[in-house]
């Protein structure tokens, strides 16, 4: 029995009690919840439903809890129900009800942990969005890992998700990039405000291979060639490196298209209709202070140029008009100032900023070697890049390391730790369980036995304390996935895999022999434990997949 199934049993018992007592059943929630008590001696699960409902229906909490306990005690699979404190229900399952979960998980396979909690939500998730002026740096890599994991979690809970990468190919940074390429092609130093690093010389050389006549053009024309060709080459490299990291986007959206399709004019017209535009000193302003911003924002300068904020407005409107009811934007550590203006902008369009727009801010990441932060890349010159991180610790370790911490916390990634084949390396610890569960399955086949027919599975045999502990951990996975998606916190999955599931499996493995010794006869208990072993393999694999990390069969 899963926690969700038990919660349904608890709610059904509440309906029966309310009917018997003539209480108002409209006070009952659509769904109930159960939780694992911190102290295992208090039972397998706990419910606070009696406490939640007592005041609403004018019943003493313990009296209502007693009626619920009596009703629950009649339900199949419930071993006992005790009342604690002012009206807590502590519930124990019988071994068969608990153990049948192992079979359910194996049969569900990759679907175990998925739900429809966010069904019907259309979410646009934008992350990374580095400008194509250089390789993806380590801060952007954090969002690549976290954003991709979040997209997997949202889809696993039923949301319709569109992932998006927005790149600026129309602004001053691109002009500096083009001037830097032109300078490199001429063998000149980079402009004072330009970009350096070996990659600039590499791209400049590739542009000249494509367009060998470029240096014969006037500087303005040559710079335009380097802008167009250089952005294309740089962005192709960015997409390739992200793909190698396991991250691909549904949509790559370029800022220039907003200008080409007159989207900025359309956004301005919509904001005028809403009554939040005013003109002064030849410039066009958006009155964002009406919605809590610290100052109003310029959309169009007095010289006729659009501001970056105008593009932000047009891009947000474009997403909403594509049918996304919730826009989630993941930004770097230096973007806290964007939150107020972006929320105000959404309100200016007539949206509910709390509902339609979410902005997540990620904190800084350092790569540390021998206790000292690595400051620069051999190729990029000034920053540590995605390739540097992968070269140092590998894709799996990099993705896991970046996703296992709350994104609002700065982190140091220690090269020595994350490449160590030991239990103190978190990704090794979890992947070792994946490999060990696979190894047990192979070893069982070698000695000539398997789980047997599902109908012959005897879940009641899984009554050892460590089997029960592992079953409880396995049962929590769907709730962990749902919470991680709803709270936008992929690190919850990583911590569950480490702190709950992996530890519980190791204790089970050490205390409950799965394979028969020598000529020992294969029993139903061996087969039941193999079901439990394989259920663990399923959940470890499912959890790692949500983080974009492999579940190896051998290590």
Protein backbone atom coordinates (compact mmCIF):
# COMPACT_ATOMS: atom_id res chain seq x y z
CA UNK A 1 0.00 0.00 0.00
CA UNK A 2 1.43 3.37 -1.02
CA UNK A 3 0.98 6.53 1.10
CA UNK A 4 -1.45 7.82 -1.54
CA UNK A 5 -3.52 4.64 -1.30
CA UNK A 6 -3.50 4.81 2.50
CA UNK A 7 -4.58 8.45 2.34
CA UNK A 8 -7.56 7.36 0.24
CA UNK A 9 -8.41 4.74 2.87
CA UNK A 10 -8.24 7.41 5.59
CA UNK A 11 -10.50 9.74 3.60
CA UNK A 12 -12.96 6.92 2.91
CA UNK A 13 -13.07 6.16 6.64
CA UNK A 14 -13.77 9.85 7.33
CA UNK A 15 -16.70 9.80 4.89
CA UNK A 16 -18.14 6.77 6.70
CA UNK A 17 -17.75 8.39 10.12
CA UNK A 18 -19.36 11.62 8.95
CA UNK A 19 -22.28 9.69 7.47
CA UNK A 20 -22.76 7.70 10.69
CA UNK A 21 -22.69 10.84 12.84
CA UNK A 22 -24.72 13.05 10.53
CA UNK A 23 -21.84 15.51 10.11
CA UNK A 24 -21.51 17.93 7.21
CA UNK A 25 -19.50 16.03 4.59
CA UNK A 26 -18.79 19.25 2.67
CA UNK A 27 -16.17 19.93 5.35
CA UNK A 28 -14.16 16.94 4.14
CA UNK A 29 -11.18 17.72 1.86
CA UNK A 30 -10.92 16.42 -1.69
CA UNK A 31 -7.83 14.49 -0.66
CA UNK A 32 -6.17 13.49 2.58
CA UNK A 33 -2.48 13.08 3.34
CA UNK A 34 -0.44 10.82 5.55
CA UNK A 35 3.14 11.27 6.70
CA UNK A 36 5.91 9.10 8.05
CA UNK A 37 6.42 9.80 11.77
CA UNK A 38 9.87 10.96 12.75
CA UNK A 39 9.92 8.26 15.40
CA UNK A 40 9.31 4.80 13.84
CA UNK A 41 7.91 3.62 17.19
CA UNK A 42 4.88 5.81 16.53
CA UNK A 43 3.81 3.65 13.60
CA UNK A 44 4.24 3.43 9.87
CA UNK A 45 2.19 6.54 9.02
CA UNK A 46 0.43 9.37 10.80
CA UNK A 47 -2.66 11.41 9.94
CA UNK A 48 -3.81 14.75 11.34
CA UNK A 49 -7.21 14.61 9.62
CA UNK A 50 -9.18 14.47 12.89
CA UNK A 51 -7.41 17.60 14.13
CA UNK A 52 -8.07 19.41 10.86
CA UNK A 53 -11.79 18.61 10.84
CA UNK A 54 -12.83 18.68 14.49
CA UNK A 55 -13.29 22.44 14.85
CA UNK A 56 -15.08 22.73 11.50
CA UNK A 57 -17.78 20.25 12.53
CA UNK A 58 -17.89 21.02 16.28
CA UNK A 59 -16.46 17.71 17.48
CA UNK A 60 -13.86 17.08 20.20
CA UNK A 61 -10.66 16.13 18.31
CA UNK A 62 -9.90 12.96 20.28
CA UNK A 63 -13.50 11.81 20.04
CA UNK A 64 -13.47 12.27 16.26
CA UNK A 65 -10.05 10.58 16.11
CA UNK A 66 -11.41 7.60 18.07
CA UNK A 67 -14.27 7.18 15.60
CA UNK A 68 -11.83 7.39 12.67
CA UNK A 69 -9.50 4.89 14.33
CA UNK A 70 -12.32 2.41 14.83
CA UNK A 71 -13.41 2.75 11.21
CA UNK A 72 -9.84 2.49 9.90
CA UNK A 73 -9.22 -0.61 11.97
CA UNK A 74 -11.76 -2.46 9.81
CA UNK A 75 -9.95 -1.64 6.56
CA UNK A 76 -7.94 -4.39 4.86
CA UNK A 77 -4.20 -3.98 5.34
CA UNK A 78 -4.45 -1.90 8.53
CA UNK A 79 -2.81 -3.69 11.44
CA UNK A 80 -3.58 -1.11 14.13
CA UNK A 81 -4.49 2.52 14.70
CA UNK A 82 -3.53 4.43 17.85
CA UNK A 83 -4.58 7.88 18.99
CA UNK A 84 -1.82 10.16 20.23
CA UNK A 85 -1.81 13.62 21.76
CA UNK A 86 -4.81 15.82 20.98
CA UNK A 87 -5.97 13.62 18.10
CA UNK A 88 -3.13 12.32 15.94
CA UNK A 89 -3.73 8.97 14.26
CA UNK A 90 -0.72 6.63 14.23
CA UNK A 91 -1.30 3.85 11.70
CA UNK A 92 0.49 0.53 11.29
CA UNK A 93 0.11 -1.61 8.20
CA UNK A 94 0.25 -5.38 8.21
CA UNK A 95 3.24 -6.95 6.44
CA UNK A 96 1.24 -8.03 3.39
CA UNK A 97 -0.19 -4.54 2.80
CA UNK A 98 3.26 -3.01 3.14
CA UNK A 99 5.09 -5.65 1.11
CA UNK A 100 2.78 -5.63 -1.90
CA UNK A 101 4.30 -2.27 -2.79
CA UNK A 102 7.43 -4.05 -4.08
CA UNK A 103 5.41 -5.82 -6.75
CA UNK A 104 3.50 -2.65 -7.64
CA UNK A 105 6.75 -0.74 -8.19
CA UNK A 106 8.34 -3.41 -10.38
CA UNK A 107 5.19 -3.69 -12.47
CA UNK A 108 4.92 0.09 -12.84
CA UNK A 109 8.56 0.41 -13.92
CA UNK A 110 9.42 3.90 -15.23
CA UNK A 111 5.88 5.09 -14.43
CA UNK A 112 6.37 4.69 -10.67
CA UNK A 113 6.60 8.13 -9.10
CA UNK A 114 4.71 9.86 -11.90
CA UNK A 115 1.38 11.55 -11.18
CA UNK A 116 -1.18 14.00 -12.57
CA UNK A 117 -0.71 16.57 -9.81
CA UNK A 118 0.05 19.36 -12.32
CA UNK A 119 -2.12 18.07 -15.15
CA UNK A 120 -3.62 20.88 -17.19
CA UNK A 121 -0.85 23.38 -16.46
CA UNK A 122 0.99 24.80 -19.47
CA UNK A 123 4.40 25.98 -18.31
CA UNK A 124 7.12 27.74 -20.27
CA UNK A 125 10.47 27.07 -18.61
CA UNK A 126 13.36 29.27 -19.71
CA UNK A 127 16.85 28.53 -18.45
CA UNK A 128 20.54 28.97 -19.29
CA UNK A 129 19.87 31.66 -21.97
CA UNK A 130 23.55 32.66 -22.19
CA UNK A 131 24.36 35.12 -24.94
CA UNK A 132 26.29 33.56 -27.86
CA UNK A 133 29.44 35.53 -27.11
CA UNK A 134 31.36 32.68 -25.47
CA UNK A 135 31.10 29.12 -24.10
CA UNK A 136 28.56 28.36 -21.34
CA UNK A 137 30.20 29.31 -18.03
CA UNK A 138 29.81 27.38 -14.80
CA UNK A 139 26.91 29.54 -13.55
CA UNK A 140 24.97 28.75 -16.71
CA UNK A 141 25.86 25.09 -16.29
CA UNK A 142 24.12 25.09 -12.90
CA UNK A 143 20.91 26.22 -14.55
CA UNK A 144 21.39 23.65 -17.31
CA UNK A 145 21.41 20.86 -14.72
CA UNK A 146 18.70 22.30 -12.47
CA UNK A 147 16.48 23.52 -15.30
CA UNK A 148 16.58 20.24 -17.17
CA UNK A 149 15.85 18.31 -13.95
CA UNK A 150 12.95 20.65 -13.21
CA UNK A 151 11.50 20.15 -16.69
CA UNK A 152 11.62 16.37 -16.14
CA UNK A 153 9.93 16.73 -12.75
CA UNK A 154 7.17 18.97 -14.09
CA UNK A 155 6.46 16.53 -16.90
CA UNK A 156 6.52 13.62 -14.45
CA UNK A 157 3.73 15.33 -12.52
CA UNK A 158 1.54 15.91 -15.57
CA UNK A 159 2.40 19.46 -16.65
CA UNK A 160 2.64 20.42 -20.32
CA UNK A 161 6.13 21.95 -20.40
CA UNK A 162 7.93 23.87 -23.11
CA UNK A 163 11.63 24.42 -22.46
CA UNK A 164 13.19 27.49 -23.97
CA UNK A 165 16.59 29.09 -24.53
CA UNK A 166 16.53 32.82 -25.26
CA UNK A 167 19.59 34.36 -26.82
CA UNK A 168 20.46 37.94 -27.53
CA UNK A 169 21.67 38.29 -31.10
CA UNK A 170 20.73 41.92 -31.52
CA UNK A 171 22.42 44.02 -28.86
CA UNK A 172 25.65 45.76 -27.89
CA UNK A 173 27.24 42.57 -26.52
CA UNK A 174 26.97 41.01 -29.97
CA UNK A 175 28.56 44.11 -31.48
CA UNK A 176 31.52 43.77 -29.08
CA UNK A 177 31.73 40.07 -29.96
CA UNK A 178 31.91 40.90 -33.68
CA UNK A 179 34.58 43.58 -33.12
CA UNK A 180 36.59 41.06 -31.07
CA UNK A 181 36.43 38.51 -33.89
CA UNK A 182 37.49 41.09 -36.44
CA UNK A 183 40.43 42.13 -34.27
CA UNK A 184 41.52 38.50 -33.81
CA UNK A 185 41.31 37.91 -37.58
CA UNK A 186 43.58 40.89 -38.14
CA UNK A 187 46.01 39.75 -35.48
CA UNK A 188 45.20 42.79 -33.34
CA UNK A 189 44.54 42.91 -29.56
CA UNK A 190 40.93 42.56 -28.46
CA UNK A 191 39.04 45.86 -28.08
CA UNK A 192 39.08 47.27 -24.57
CA UNK A 193 35.43 46.30 -24.04
CA UNK A 194 35.71 43.12 -26.13
CA UNK A 195 36.10 39.40 -25.51
CA UNK A 196 39.35 37.47 -25.17
CA UNK A 197 40.30 33.83 -24.95
CA UNK A 198 41.44 31.20 -27.41
CA UNK A 199 37.88 30.55 -28.55
CA UNK A 200 37.70 34.00 -30.15
CA UNK A 201 40.71 33.24 -32.35
CA UNK A 202 39.25 29.80 -33.20
CA UNK A 203 35.91 31.24 -34.30
CA UNK A 204 37.56 34.07 -36.24
CA UNK A 205 39.65 31.50 -38.13
CA UNK A 206 36.55 29.43 -38.89
CA UNK A 207 34.72 32.51 -40.22
CA UNK A 208 37.64 33.22 -42.54
CA UNK A 209 37.53 29.61 -43.73
CA UNK A 210 33.88 30.10 -44.61
CA UNK A 211 34.31 33.62 -45.97
CA UNK A 212 37.96 34.08 -47.04
CA UNK A 213 37.15 37.44 -48.65
CA UNK A 214 36.05 39.02 -45.38
CA UNK A 215 39.24 40.91 -44.54
CA UNK A 216 39.12 42.56 -47.97
CA UNK A 217 35.88 44.31 -47.03
CA UNK A 218 35.52 47.64 -45.31
CA UNK A 219 35.60 47.29 -41.52
CA UNK A 220 31.86 47.87 -41.12
CA UNK A 221 31.02 45.20 -43.70
CA UNK A 222 33.63 42.80 -42.29
CA UNK A 223 32.28 43.30 -38.79
CA UNK A 224 28.78 42.40 -40.01
CA UNK A 225 30.13 39.16 -41.55
CA UNK A 226 31.82 38.29 -38.28
CA UNK A 227 28.63 39.11 -36.38
CA UNK A 228 26.38 36.86 -38.47
CA UNK A 229 28.82 34.00 -38.99
CA UNK A 230 30.36 34.24 -35.51
CA UNK A 231 27.01 34.11 -33.69
CA UNK A 232 25.99 31.10 -35.76
CA UNK A 233 29.23 29.26 -34.98
CA UNK A 234 29.24 30.18 -31.29
CA UNK A 235 25.63 29.21 -30.80
CA UNK A 236 26.13 25.91 -32.62
CA UNK A 237 28.95 25.19 -30.17
CA UNK A 238 26.77 26.13 -27.19
CA UNK A 239 23.98 23.82 -28.38
CA UNK A 240 26.46 21.01 -28.98
CA UNK A 241 28.03 21.29 -25.53
CA UNK A 242 24.60 21.37 -23.87
CA UNK A 243 23.51 18.36 -25.91
CA UNK A 244 26.59 16.47 -24.73
CA UNK A 245 25.54 17.44 -21.20
CA UNK A 246 22.14 15.85 -21.81
CA UNK A 247 20.22 19.11 -22.23
CA UNK A 248 18.17 20.02 -25.29
CA UNK A 249 15.49 22.66 -25.63
CA UNK A 250 12.11 22.58 -27.32
CA UNK A 251 12.60 26.15 -28.54
CA UNK A 252 15.64 28.32 -29.23
CA UNK A 253 14.30 31.86 -29.35
CA UNK A 254 16.41 34.73 -30.68
CA UNK A 255 15.86 38.33 -29.66
CA UNK A 256 16.31 39.58 -33.21
CA UNK A 257 13.06 37.90 -34.22
CA UNK A 258 11.19 40.23 -31.85
CA UNK A 259 12.49 43.19 -33.87
CA UNK A 260 12.00 41.52 -37.24
CA UNK A 261 8.36 40.65 -36.47
CA UNK A 262 7.52 44.03 -34.89
CA UNK A 263 6.77 42.27 -31.61
CA UNK A 264 8.06 45.23 -29.61
CA UNK A 265 5.54 47.56 -31.27
CA UNK A 266 2.78 45.04 -30.52
CA UNK A 267 3.80 44.83 -26.85
CA UNK A 268 3.91 48.62 -26.59
CA UNK A 269 0.42 48.86 -28.11
CA UNK A 270 -0.92 46.30 -25.63
CA UNK A 271 0.58 48.18 -22.68
CA UNK A 272 -0.93 51.44 -23.98
CA UNK A 273 -4.31 49.74 -24.11
CA UNK A 274 -3.85 48.76 -20.46
CA UNK A 275 -3.18 52.42 -19.60
CA UNK A 276 0.32 52.05 -18.16
CA UNK A 277 2.37 53.93 -20.82
CA UNK A 278 3.35 57.57 -20.70
CA UNK A 279 5.63 59.74 -22.86
CA UNK A 280 8.03 62.31 -21.53
CA UNK A 281 11.11 64.06 -22.92
CA UNK A 282 10.76 62.11 -26.16
CA UNK A 283 11.03 58.72 -24.43
CA UNK A 284 8.35 56.09 -23.84
CA UNK A 285 7.95 54.85 -20.25
CA UNK A 286 6.12 52.00 -18.50
CA UNK A 287 4.61 52.96 -15.15
CA UNK A 288 5.85 49.91 -13.24
CA UNK A 289 5.85 51.82 -9.92
CA UNK A 290 2.08 51.31 -9.85
CA UNK A 291 2.84 47.66 -9.15
CA UNK A 292 5.67 47.92 -6.65
CA UNK A 293 8.73 48.53 -8.82
CA UNK A 294 11.28 50.98 -7.39
CA UNK A 295 11.14 53.18 -10.50
CA UNK A 296 9.36 53.42 -13.84
CA UNK A 297 11.10 51.81 -16.81
CA UNK A 298 12.03 53.22 -20.21
CA UNK A 299 10.83 51.14 -23.16
CA UNK A 300 11.96 53.38 -26.00
CA UNK A 301 14.69 55.98 -25.69
CA UNK A 302 14.37 59.51 -27.01
CA UNK A 303 16.64 58.53 -29.94
CA UNK A 304 14.14 55.85 -30.97
CA UNK A 305 16.15 52.84 -29.74
CA UNK A 306 14.38 50.07 -27.86
CA UNK A 307 15.68 49.14 -24.42
CA UNK A 308 16.47 45.62 -23.23
CA UNK A 309 13.42 45.86 -20.97
CA UNK A 310 11.20 46.47 -24.00
CA UNK A 311 12.46 43.18 -25.43
CA UNK A 312 11.72 41.50 -22.08
CA UNK A 313 8.13 42.79 -22.30
CA UNK A 314 7.67 41.62 -25.89
CA UNK A 315 9.17 38.22 -25.13
CA UNK A 316 6.91 37.70 -22.11
CA UNK A 317 3.85 38.65 -24.15
CA UNK A 318 4.95 36.28 -26.93
CA UNK A 319 5.10 33.38 -24.45
CA UNK A 320 1.68 34.16 -23.04
CA UNK A 321 0.18 34.41 -26.54
CA UNK A 322 1.64 30.99 -27.35
CA UNK A 323 -0.67 29.61 -24.69
CA UNK A 324 1.62 29.29 -21.69
CA UNK A 325 -0.31 30.26 -18.58
CA UNK A 326 2.76 30.12 -16.35
CA UNK A 327 6.11 31.58 -17.37
CA UNK A 328 9.09 30.38 -15.31
CA UNK A 329 12.41 32.16 -15.84
CA UNK A 330 15.64 30.98 -14.23
CA UNK A 331 18.21 33.77 -13.80
CA UNK A 332 21.74 34.09 -12.44
CA UNK A 333 22.91 35.39 -9.08
CA UNK A 334 23.32 38.99 -10.30
CA UNK A 335 19.70 39.31 -11.44
CA UNK A 336 17.82 39.93 -8.17
CA UNK A 337 16.96 43.40 -9.41
CA UNK A 338 14.97 41.92 -12.26
CA UNK A 339 12.31 40.39 -10.04
CA UNK A 340 10.46 43.59 -9.11
CA UNK A 341 10.45 45.05 -12.61
CA UNK A 342 9.42 41.77 -14.26
CA UNK A 343 6.60 41.17 -11.79
CA UNK A 344 5.39 44.73 -12.32
CA UNK A 345 5.61 44.25 -16.09
CA UNK A 346 3.35 41.17 -15.88
CA UNK A 347 0.84 43.18 -13.86
CA UNK A 348 0.95 45.96 -16.46
CA UNK A 349 -0.16 43.42 -19.06
CA UNK A 350 -3.13 42.57 -16.83
CA UNK A 351 -1.71 39.30 -15.55
CA UNK A 352 -1.46 38.04 -11.99
CA UNK A 353 2.29 38.11 -11.24
CA UNK A 354 1.88 35.52 -8.49
CA UNK A 355 0.19 33.11 -10.87
CA UNK A 356 1.56 33.82 -14.34
CA UNK A 357 5.24 34.60 -13.71
CA UNK A 358 7.87 32.89 -11.59
CA UNK A 359 11.48 34.03 -11.41
CA UNK A 360 14.05 31.73 -9.84
CA UNK A 361 17.49 33.04 -8.91
CA UNK A 362 20.49 30.71 -8.80
CA UNK A 363 23.54 31.39 -6.67
CA UNK A 364 27.21 31.18 -7.57
CA UNK A 365 29.16 27.99 -8.26
CA UNK A 366 32.91 27.52 -7.81
CA UNK A 367 35.00 24.64 -9.08
CA UNK A 368 37.57 23.82 -6.39
CA UNK A 369 40.80 21.86 -6.85
CA UNK A 370 43.17 21.18 -3.93
CA UNK A 371 41.08 23.52 -1.82
CA UNK A 372 41.57 26.45 -4.21
CA UNK A 373 38.85 27.80 -6.54
CA UNK A 374 39.63 27.31 -10.23
CA UNK A 375 39.39 30.80 -11.67
CA UNK A 376 39.74 30.56 -15.40
CA UNK A 377 39.48 28.26 -18.37
CA UNK A 378 42.36 27.34 -20.65
CA UNK A 379 40.13 28.08 -23.63
CA UNK A 380 37.76 30.82 -22.47
CA UNK A 381 40.42 32.68 -20.54
CA UNK A 382 38.24 34.42 -17.95
CA UNK A 383 35.65 31.89 -16.75
CA UNK A 384 35.27 28.20 -15.98
CA UNK A 385 33.12 26.60 -18.68
CA UNK A 386 30.80 23.62 -19.04
CA UNK A 387 33.58 21.70 -20.77
CA UNK A 388 36.00 22.47 -17.93
CA UNK A 389 33.55 21.08 -15.37
CA UNK A 390 32.81 17.95 -17.39
CA UNK A 391 36.50 17.35 -18.05
CA UNK A 392 37.16 17.62 -14.32
CA UNK A 393 34.44 15.34 -12.89
CA UNK A 394 32.30 13.92 -15.73
CA UNK A 395 28.70 14.52 -16.84
CA UNK A 396 26.95 12.39 -14.20
CA UNK A 397 28.85 13.85 -11.27
CA UNK A 398 28.47 17.39 -12.64
CA UNK A 399 24.72 17.10 -13.11
CA UNK A 400 24.22 15.47 -9.73
CA UNK A 401 26.47 17.95 -7.91
CA UNK A 402 24.66 20.94 -9.41
CA UNK A 403 21.17 19.56 -8.78
CA UNK A 404 21.62 18.24 -5.22
CA UNK A 405 21.75 21.67 -3.55
CA UNK A 406 19.00 24.25 -3.23
CA UNK A 407 19.58 26.65 -6.11
CA UNK A 408 19.48 29.66 -3.79
CA UNK A 409 22.65 28.43 -2.03
CA UNK A 410 26.17 29.05 -3.38
CA UNK A 411 28.17 25.85 -3.82
CA UNK A 412 31.77 24.72 -4.21
CA UNK A 413 32.33 21.64 -6.36
CA UNK A 414 35.40 19.86 -5.03
CA UNK A 415 37.10 17.95 -7.85
CA UNK A 416 38.71 15.45 -5.47
CA UNK A 417 35.40 14.64 -3.74
CA UNK A 418 33.32 14.25 -6.89
CA UNK A 419 35.81 11.96 -8.61
CA UNK A 420 36.39 9.73 -5.56
CA UNK A 421 35.11 6.13 -5.69
CA UNK A 422 33.88 6.11 -2.10
CA UNK A 423 30.73 6.52 -0.03
CA UNK A 424 31.48 10.17 0.75
CA UNK A 425 31.03 10.98 -2.96
CA UNK A 426 27.23 11.46 -3.14
CA UNK A 427 26.77 10.42 -6.77
CA UNK A 428 28.99 7.36 -6.31
CA UNK A 429 27.01 6.40 -3.18
CA UNK A 430 23.69 6.48 -5.05
CA UNK A 431 24.96 4.93 -8.27
CA UNK A 432 26.55 2.15 -6.25
CA UNK A 433 23.06 1.13 -5.08
CA UNK A 434 21.88 1.13 -8.69
CA UNK A 435 24.79 -1.13 -9.65
CA UNK A 436 24.41 -3.38 -6.60
CA UNK A 437 20.71 -4.00 -7.23
CA UNK A 438 21.50 -4.89 -10.84
CA UNK A 439 24.30 -7.19 -9.68
CA UNK A 440 21.92 -9.02 -7.33
CA UNK A 441 19.58 -9.67 -10.26
CA UNK A 442 22.43 -11.03 -12.38
CA UNK A 443 23.68 -13.23 -9.55
CA UNK A 444 20.17 -14.61 -8.98
CA UNK A 445 19.96 -15.57 -12.64
CA UNK A 446 23.36 -17.27 -12.43
CA UNK A 447 22.20 -19.52 -9.57
CA UNK A 448 19.01 -20.28 -11.44
CA UNK A 449 16.18 -18.37 -9.84
CA UNK A 450 14.08 -15.32 -10.51
CA UNK A 451 11.25 -13.41 -8.80
CA UNK A 452 8.68 -15.89 -9.99
CA UNK A 453 5.11 -15.25 -11.05
CA UNK A 454 3.57 -12.05 -9.71
CA UNK A 455 0.55 -13.94 -8.43
CA UNK A 456 2.80 -16.24 -6.39
CA UNK A 457 4.57 -13.30 -4.70
CA UNK A 458 4.12 -13.50 -0.93
CA UNK A 459 4.41 -9.94 0.41
CA UNK A 460 3.58 -10.99 3.97
CA UNK A 461 7.03 -12.59 4.19
CA UNK A 462 8.66 -9.16 4.07
CA UNK A 463 8.25 -8.61 7.79
CA UNK A 464 11.83 -7.91 8.85
CA UNK A 465 12.46 -4.50 10.40
CA UNK A 466 14.90 -3.52 7.63
CA UNK A 467 12.52 -4.72 4.92
CA UNK A 468 9.81 -2.55 6.41
CA UNK A 469 12.19 0.42 6.58
CA UNK A 470 13.09 0.01 2.90
CA UNK A 471 9.45 -0.34 1.88
CA UNK A 472 8.61 2.90 3.67
CA UNK A 473 11.41 4.67 1.82
CA UNK A 474 10.21 3.31 -1.52
CA UNK A 475 6.66 4.40 -0.74
CA UNK A 476 7.77 8.02 -0.26
CA UNK A 477 9.13 8.45 -3.79
CA UNK A 478 5.93 9.70 -5.49
CA UNK A 479 5.42 12.34 -2.79
CA UNK A 480 9.06 13.45 -3.11
CA UNK A 481 8.67 13.85 -6.88
CA UNK A 482 5.45 15.83 -6.48
CA UNK A 483 6.94 18.15 -3.85
CA UNK A 484 10.12 18.68 -5.88
CA UNK A 485 8.03 19.69 -8.91
CA UNK A 486 5.57 21.92 -7.07
CA UNK A 487 8.27 23.69 -5.04
CA UNK A 488 10.71 23.86 -8.00
CA UNK A 489 13.34 22.04 -5.92
CA UNK A 490 15.04 19.15 -7.77
CA UNK A 491 17.51 18.80 -4.91
CA UNK A 492 14.75 17.05 -2.93
CA UNK A 493 15.06 14.06 -5.25
CA UNK A 494 18.84 13.85 -4.81
CA UNK A 495 18.61 14.09 -1.03
CA UNK A 496 15.89 11.44 -0.95
CA UNK A 497 18.02 9.07 -3.02
CA UNK A 498 20.98 9.61 -0.70
CA UNK A 499 19.51 10.05 2.75
CA UNK A 500 16.42 7.83 2.59
CA UNK A 501 16.60 5.21 -0.12
CA UNK A 502 20.29 4.36 -0.43
CA UNK A 503 20.81 4.08 3.31
CA UNK A 504 17.70 1.94 3.73
CA UNK A 505 18.79 -0.39 0.94
CA UNK A 506 22.28 -0.88 2.38
CA UNK A 507 20.79 -1.76 5.78
CA UNK A 508 18.37 -4.19 4.14
CA UNK A 509 21.16 -5.77 2.11
CA UNK A 510 23.36 -6.18 5.18
CA UNK A 511 20.62 -7.75 7.32
CA UNK A 512 18.39 -9.70 4.91
CA UNK A 513 20.06 -12.24 2.66
CA UNK A 514 18.53 -12.15 -0.81
CA UNK A 515 20.39 -15.02 -2.51
CA UNK A 516 20.52 -18.59 -1.17
CA UNK A 517 23.86 -19.83 0.14
CA UNK A 518 25.55 -22.76 -1.59
CA UNK A 519 23.08 -25.59 -2.11
CA UNK A 520 20.41 -23.90 -0.01
CA UNK A 521 16.93 -24.32 -1.50
CA UNK A 522 15.35 -21.25 -3.05
CA UNK A 523 12.36 -20.20 -0.93
CA UNK A 524 9.46 -17.82 -1.30
CA UNK A 525 11.32 -15.47 1.05
CA UNK A 526 14.28 -15.31 -1.36
CA UNK A 527 11.88 -14.50 -4.18
CA UNK A 528 10.04 -11.86 -2.12
CA UNK A 529 13.34 -10.18 -1.29
CA UNK A 530 14.31 -10.21 -4.96
CA UNK A 531 11.07 -8.34 -5.70
CA UNK A 532 12.12 -5.80 -3.08
CA UNK A 533 15.64 -5.57 -4.52
CA UNK A 534 14.26 -4.98 -8.02
CA UNK A 535 11.79 -2.41 -6.74
CA UNK A 536 14.73 -0.51 -5.29
CA UNK A 537 16.53 -0.68 -8.63
CA UNK A 538 13.42 0.75 -10.30
CA UNK A 539 13.15 3.69 -7.92
CA UNK A 540 16.88 4.49 -7.99
CA UNK A 541 16.79 4.46 -11.80
CA UNK A 542 13.64 6.60 -11.92
CA UNK A 543 15.06 9.12 -9.47
CA UNK A 544 18.40 9.42 -11.22
CA UNK A 545 16.63 9.80 -14.58
CA UNK A 546 14.75 12.81 -13.19
CA UNK A 547 18.14 14.37 -12.46
CA UNK A 548 19.52 13.43 -15.88
CA UNK A 549 22.00 10.99 -14.32
CA UNK A 550 22.58 7.39 -15.42
CA UNK A 551 21.79 4.35 -13.26
CA UNK A 552 24.73 2.03 -14.05
CA UNK A 553 24.40 -1.74 -13.97
CA UNK A 554 28.10 -2.15 -13.15
CA UNK A 555 30.70 0.00 -11.38
